[in-house]
C-alpha atoms as a PDB file:
ATOM      1  CA  UNK A   1     -45.864  25.080 -31.730  1.00  0.00           C
ATOM      2  CA  UNK A   2     -44.549  23.048 -28.926  1.00  0.00           C
ATOM      3  CA  UNK A   3     -40.890  22.343 -28.853  1.00  0.00           C
ATOM      4  CA  UNK A   4     -39.940  18.803 -30.255  1.00  0.00           C
ATOM      5  CA  UNK A   5     -43.296  18.201 -31.955  1.00  0.00           C
ATOM      6  CA  UNK A   6     -44.397  18.942 -35.646  1.00  0.00           C
ATOM      7  CA  UNK A   7     -47.768  20.515 -36.325  1.00  0.00           C
ATOM      8  CA  UNK A   8     -49.227  17.204 -37.193  1.00  0.00           C
ATOM      9  CA  UNK A   9     -48.229  15.411 -34.126  1.00  0.00           C
ATOM     10  CA  UNK A  10     -49.656  18.209 -31.813  1.00  0.00           C
ATOM     11  CA  UNK A  11     -52.963  18.058 -33.737  1.00  0.00           C
ATOM     12  CA  UNK A  12     -53.329  14.283 -33.277  1.00  0.00           C
ATOM     13  CA  UNK A  13     -52.566  14.561 -29.531  1.00  0.00           C
ATOM     14  CA  UNK A  14     -49.800  12.037 -29.383  1.00  0.00           C
ATOM     15  CA  UNK A  15     -46.625  10.775 -30.953  1.00  0.00           C
ATOM     16  CA  UNK A  16     -46.801   8.401 -33.939  1.00  0.00           C
ATOM     17  CA  UNK A  17     -44.072   6.103 -32.286  1.00  0.00           C
ATOM     18  CA  UNK A  18     -46.232   5.077 -29.345  1.00  0.00           C
ATOM     19  CA  UNK A  19     -43.984   7.024 -26.828  1.00  0.00           C
ATOM     20  CA  UNK A  20     -45.231   9.436 -24.255  1.00  0.00           C
ATOM     21  CA  UNK A  21     -47.721  12.096 -24.708  1.00  0.00           C
ATOM     22  CA  UNK A  22     -47.805  15.530 -23.098  1.00  0.00           C
ATOM     23  CA  UNK A  23     -51.385  16.520 -21.805  1.00  0.00           C
ATOM     24  CA  UNK A  24     -51.509  19.621 -19.616  1.00  0.00           C
ATOM     25  CA  UNK A  25     -47.867  19.219 -18.398  1.00  0.00           C
ATOM     26  CA  UNK A  26     -48.224  15.461 -17.343  1.00  0.00           C
ATOM     27  CA  UNK A  27     -46.705  12.512 -18.935  1.00  0.00           C
ATOM     28  CA  UNK A  28     -48.947   9.413 -19.921  1.00  0.00           C
ATOM     29  CA  UNK A  29     -47.105   6.210 -20.433  1.00  0.00           C
ATOM     30  CA  UNK A  30     -48.354   4.035 -23.574  1.00  0.00           C
ATOM     31  CA  UNK A  31     -46.985   0.735 -21.904  1.00  0.00           C
ATOM     32  CA  UNK A  32     -49.839  -1.511 -20.235  1.00  0.00           C
ATOM     33  CA  UNK A  33     -49.760  -1.714 -16.536  1.00  0.00           C
ATOM     34  CA  UNK A  34     -49.225  -4.973 -14.661  1.00  0.00           C
ATOM     35  CA  UNK A  35     -52.848  -5.552 -14.122  1.00  0.00           C
ATOM     36  CA  UNK A  36     -53.578  -5.162 -17.563  1.00  0.00           C
ATOM     37  CA  UNK A  37     -50.974  -7.750 -18.439  1.00  0.00           C
ATOM     38  CA  UNK A  38     -52.191 -10.086 -15.795  1.00  0.00           C
ATOM     39  CA  UNK A  39     -55.836  -9.666 -16.908  1.00  0.00           C
ATOM     40  CA  UNK A  40     -54.600 -10.324 -20.550  1.00  0.00           C
ATOM     41  CA  UNK A  41     -52.780 -13.387 -19.455  1.00  0.00           C
ATOM     42  CA  UNK A  42     -55.573 -14.605 -17.554  1.00  0.00           C
ATOM     43  CA  UNK A  43     -57.941 -14.236 -20.522  1.00  0.00           C
ATOM     44  CA  UNK A  44     -55.463 -15.790 -22.916  1.00  0.00           C
ATOM     45  CA  UNK A  45     -55.027 -18.846 -20.508  1.00  0.00           C
ATOM     46  CA  UNK A  46     -58.718 -19.561 -20.007  1.00  0.00           C
ATOM     47  CA  UNK A  47     -59.262 -19.306 -23.654  1.00  0.00           C
ATOM     48  CA  UNK A  48     -56.412 -21.737 -24.071  1.00  0.00           C
ATOM     49  CA  UNK A  49     -57.780 -24.094 -21.646  1.00  0.00           C
ATOM     50  CA  UNK A  50     -61.291 -24.138 -23.494  1.00  0.00           C
ATOM     51  CA  UNK A  51     -59.561 -24.790 -26.699  1.00  0.00           C
ATOM     52  CA  UNK A  52     -57.626 -27.526 -25.176  1.00  0.00           C
ATOM     53  CA  UNK A  53     -61.007 -29.048 -23.941  1.00  0.00           C
ATOM     54  CA  UNK A  54     -62.558 -28.707 -27.149  1.00  0.00           C
ATOM     55  CA  UNK A  55     -59.641 -30.422 -28.855  1.00  0.00           C
ATOM     56  CA  UNK A  56     -59.699 -33.403 -26.384  1.00  0.00           C
ATOM     57  CA  UNK A  57     -63.661 -33.705 -27.038  1.00  0.00           C
ATOM     58  CA  UNK A  58     -62.989 -33.710 -30.915  1.00  0.00           C
ATOM     59  CA  UNK A  59     -60.169 -36.211 -30.716  1.00  0.00           C
ATOM     60  CA  UNK A  60     -61.982 -38.537 -28.221  1.00  0.00           C
ATOM     61  CA  UNK A  61     -65.005 -38.446 -30.347  1.00  0.00           C
ATOM     62  CA  UNK A  62     -62.940 -39.450 -33.374  1.00  0.00           C
ATOM     63  CA  UNK A  63     -61.466 -42.436 -31.499  1.00  0.00           C
ATOM     64  CA  UNK A  64     -64.866 -43.564 -30.345  1.00  0.00           C
ATOM     65  CA  UNK A  65     -65.978 -43.539 -33.723  1.00  0.00           C
ATOM     66  CA  UNK A  66     -63.219 -45.661 -35.021  1.00  0.00           C
ATOM     67  CA  UNK A  67     -63.920 -48.137 -32.038  1.00  0.00           C
ATOM     68  CA  UNK A  68     -67.499 -48.180 -33.000  1.00  0.00           C
ATOM     69  CA  UNK A  69     -66.699 -49.110 -36.620  1.00  0.00           C
ATOM     70  CA  UNK A  70     -64.241 -51.772 -35.512  1.00  0.00           C
ATOM     71  CA  UNK A  71     -67.067 -53.371 -33.267  1.00  0.00           C
ATOM     72  CA  UNK A  72     -69.482 -53.224 -36.289  1.00  0.00           C
ATOM     73  CA  UNK A  73     -66.956 -55.156 -38.444  1.00  0.00           C
ATOM     74  CA  UNK A  74     -66.622 -57.777 -35.747  1.00  0.00           C
ATOM     75  CA  UNK A  75     -70.397 -58.164 -35.176  1.00  0.00           C
ATOM     76  CA  UNK A  76     -70.730 -58.490 -39.044  1.00  0.00           C
ATOM     77  CA  UNK A  77     -68.012 -60.954 -39.136  1.00  0.00           C
ATOM     78  CA  UNK A  78     -69.601 -62.978 -36.344  1.00  0.00           C
ATOM     79  CA  UNK A  79     -72.871 -63.017 -38.176  1.00  0.00           C
ATOM     80  CA  UNK A  80     -71.311 -64.185 -41.354  1.00  0.00           C
ATOM     81  CA  UNK A  81     -69.370 -66.733 -39.609  1.00  0.00           C
ATOM     82  CA  UNK A  82     -72.465 -67.967 -37.969  1.00  0.00           C
ATOM     83  CA  UNK A  83     -74.262 -68.121 -41.275  1.00  0.00           C
ATOM     84  CA  UNK A  84     -71.146 -70.100 -42.489  1.00  0.00           C
ATOM     85  CA  UNK A  85     -71.584 -72.522 -39.513  1.00  0.00           C
ATOM     86  CA  UNK A  86     -75.393 -73.075 -40.411  1.00  0.00           C
ATOM     87  CA  UNK A  87     -74.303 -73.796 -43.946  1.00  0.00           C
ATOM     88  CA  UNK A  88     -71.537 -76.131 -42.757  1.00  0.00           C
ATOM     89  CA  UNK A  89     -74.138 -78.015 -40.635  1.00  0.00           C
ATOM     90  CA  UNK A  90     -76.485 -78.229 -43.614  1.00  0.00           C
ATOM     91  CA  UNK A  91     -73.617 -79.652 -45.675  1.00  0.00           C
ATOM     92  CA  UNK A  92     -73.099 -82.434 -43.138  1.00  0.00           C
ATOM     93  CA  UNK A  93     -76.782 -83.226 -43.307  1.00  0.00           C
ATOM     94  CA  UNK A  94     -76.734 -83.333 -47.149  1.00  0.00           C
ATOM     95  CA  UNK A  95     -73.708 -85.580 -46.973  1.00  0.00           C
ATOM     96  CA  UNK A  96     -75.450 -88.082 -44.771  1.00  0.00           C
ATOM     97  CA  UNK A  97     -78.713 -88.109 -46.834  1.00  0.00           C
ATOM     98  CA  UNK A  98     -77.348 -87.747 -50.457  1.00  0.00           C
ATOM     99  CA  UNK A  99     -73.954 -89.380 -51.072  1.00  0.00           C
ATOM    100  CA  UNK A 100     -72.280 -86.863 -53.192  1.00  0.00           C
ATOM    101  CA  UNK A 101     -73.414 -83.785 -55.283  1.00  0.00           C
ATOM    102  CA  UNK A 102     -75.734 -81.650 -53.258  1.00  0.00           C
ATOM    103  CA  UNK A 103     -73.541 -81.705 -50.094  1.00  0.00           C
ATOM    104  CA  UNK A 104     -70.340 -81.040 -52.026  1.00  0.00           C
ATOM    105  CA  UNK A 105     -71.546 -77.755 -53.371  1.00  0.00           C
ATOM    106  CA  UNK A 106     -73.171 -76.779 -50.021  1.00  0.00           C
ATOM    107  CA  UNK A 107     -69.656 -77.579 -48.323  1.00  0.00           C
ATOM    108  CA  UNK A 108     -67.780 -75.306 -50.688  1.00  0.00           C
ATOM    109  CA  UNK A 109     -70.293 -72.489 -50.126  1.00  0.00           C
ATOM    110  CA  UNK A 110     -70.147 -72.921 -46.313  1.00  0.00           C
ATOM    111  CA  UNK A 111     -66.276 -72.798 -46.391  1.00  0.00           C
ATOM    112  CA  UNK A 112     -66.163 -69.578 -48.483  1.00  0.00           C
ATOM    113  CA  UNK A 113     -68.712 -68.066 -45.932  1.00  0.00           C
ATOM    114  CA  UNK A 114     -66.548 -69.037 -42.983  1.00  0.00           C
ATOM    115  CA  UNK A 115     -63.397 -67.690 -44.573  1.00  0.00           C
ATOM    116  CA  UNK A 116     -64.990 -64.407 -45.399  1.00  0.00           C
ATOM    117  CA  UNK A 117     -66.334 -64.333 -41.668  1.00  0.00           C
ATOM    118  CA  UNK A 118     -63.062 -64.911 -40.252  1.00  0.00           C
ATOM    119  CA  UNK A 119     -61.489 -62.201 -42.383  1.00  0.00           C
ATOM    120  CA  UNK A 120     -64.052 -59.802 -41.000  1.00  0.00           C
ATOM    121  CA  UNK A 121     -63.771 -60.714 -37.469  1.00  0.00           C
ATOM    122  CA  UNK A 122     -59.856 -60.548 -37.607  1.00  0.00           C
ATOM    123  CA  UNK A 123     -59.936 -57.033 -39.502  1.00  0.00           C
ATOM    124  CA  UNK A 124     -62.247 -55.621 -36.690  1.00  0.00           C
ATOM    125  CA  UNK A 125     -59.990 -57.133 -33.951  1.00  0.00           C
ATOM    126  CA  UNK A 126     -56.716 -55.850 -35.393  1.00  0.00           C
ATOM    127  CA  UNK A 127     -58.238 -52.398 -35.928  1.00  0.00           C
ATOM    128  CA  UNK A 128     -59.684 -52.333 -32.199  1.00  0.00           C
ATOM    129  CA  UNK A 129     -56.244 -53.706 -30.867  1.00  0.00           C
ATOM    130  CA  UNK A 130     -54.268 -50.921 -32.535  1.00  0.00           C
ATOM    131  CA  UNK A 131     -56.589 -48.303 -31.205  1.00  0.00           C
ATOM    132  CA  UNK A 132     -55.740 -46.079 -28.143  1.00  0.00           C
ATOM    133  CA  UNK A 133     -58.533 -43.926 -26.670  1.00  0.00           C
ATOM    134  CA  UNK A 134     -56.009 -41.490 -25.149  1.00  0.00           C
ATOM    135  CA  UNK A 135     -56.155 -38.165 -26.809  1.00  0.00           C
ATOM    136  CA  UNK A 136     -52.296 -38.079 -27.641  1.00  0.00           C
ATOM    137  CA  UNK A 137     -52.315 -34.715 -29.618  1.00  0.00           C
ATOM    138  CA  UNK A 138     -54.247 -32.983 -26.759  1.00  0.00           C
ATOM    139  CA  UNK A 139     -51.864 -34.577 -24.047  1.00  0.00           C
ATOM    140  CA  UNK A 140     -48.881 -33.250 -25.979  1.00  0.00           C
ATOM    141  CA  UNK A 141     -50.457 -29.704 -26.431  1.00  0.00           C
ATOM    142  CA  UNK A 142     -51.218 -29.408 -22.802  1.00  0.00           C
ATOM    143  CA  UNK A 143     -47.779 -30.305 -22.018  1.00  0.00           C
ATOM    144  CA  UNK A 144     -46.371 -27.562 -24.191  1.00  0.00           C
ATOM    145  CA  UNK A 145     -48.927 -25.152 -22.813  1.00  0.00           C
ATOM    146  CA  UNK A 146     -47.728 -25.756 -19.326  1.00  0.00           C
ATOM    147  CA  UNK A 147     -44.050 -25.362 -20.215  1.00  0.00           C
ATOM    148  CA  UNK A 148     -45.047 -22.182 -21.848  1.00  0.00           C
ATOM    149  CA  UNK A 149     -47.015 -20.867 -18.805  1.00  0.00           C
ATOM    150  CA  UNK A 150     -44.120 -21.721 -16.613  1.00  0.00           C
ATOM    151  CA  UNK A 151     -41.906 -19.917 -18.917  1.00  0.00           C
ATOM    152  CA  UNK A 152     -44.134 -16.805 -18.748  1.00  0.00           C
ATOM    153  CA  UNK A 153     -44.418 -16.741 -14.886  1.00  0.00           C
ATOM    154  CA  UNK A 154     -40.672 -16.607 -14.571  1.00  0.00           C
END
């Protein structure tokens, strides 16, 4: 048996603590080389960049979806308001032709339709006004990654 090693260690060909191993009187170091470390860093960095791009794409898609929904609300509100305008015009026509009853009912309906349309348009505008298309999470993550990369290079 070799000095300093137990029978189990000699049979497995190395030390269980990850240290150096003796093979034919040469010493093999278990530490990775500088090239291995650089290759690993490059691989990790490229993976990180790909993930950041994927995150930016996902975040931008979500924001575009929100913007599309706001525009749909605005269009729907505009259409309802247009229908209300038509009803208001019809109410004015009824007011001129028939002095009271038919136009009053039409006028009330037109006002309700106009109020609903105005609420829809305002809802869409406020959602669109509060929307930022910049992917904030991704920008923050990229800043953190850049700081980490600078720290690793030092």
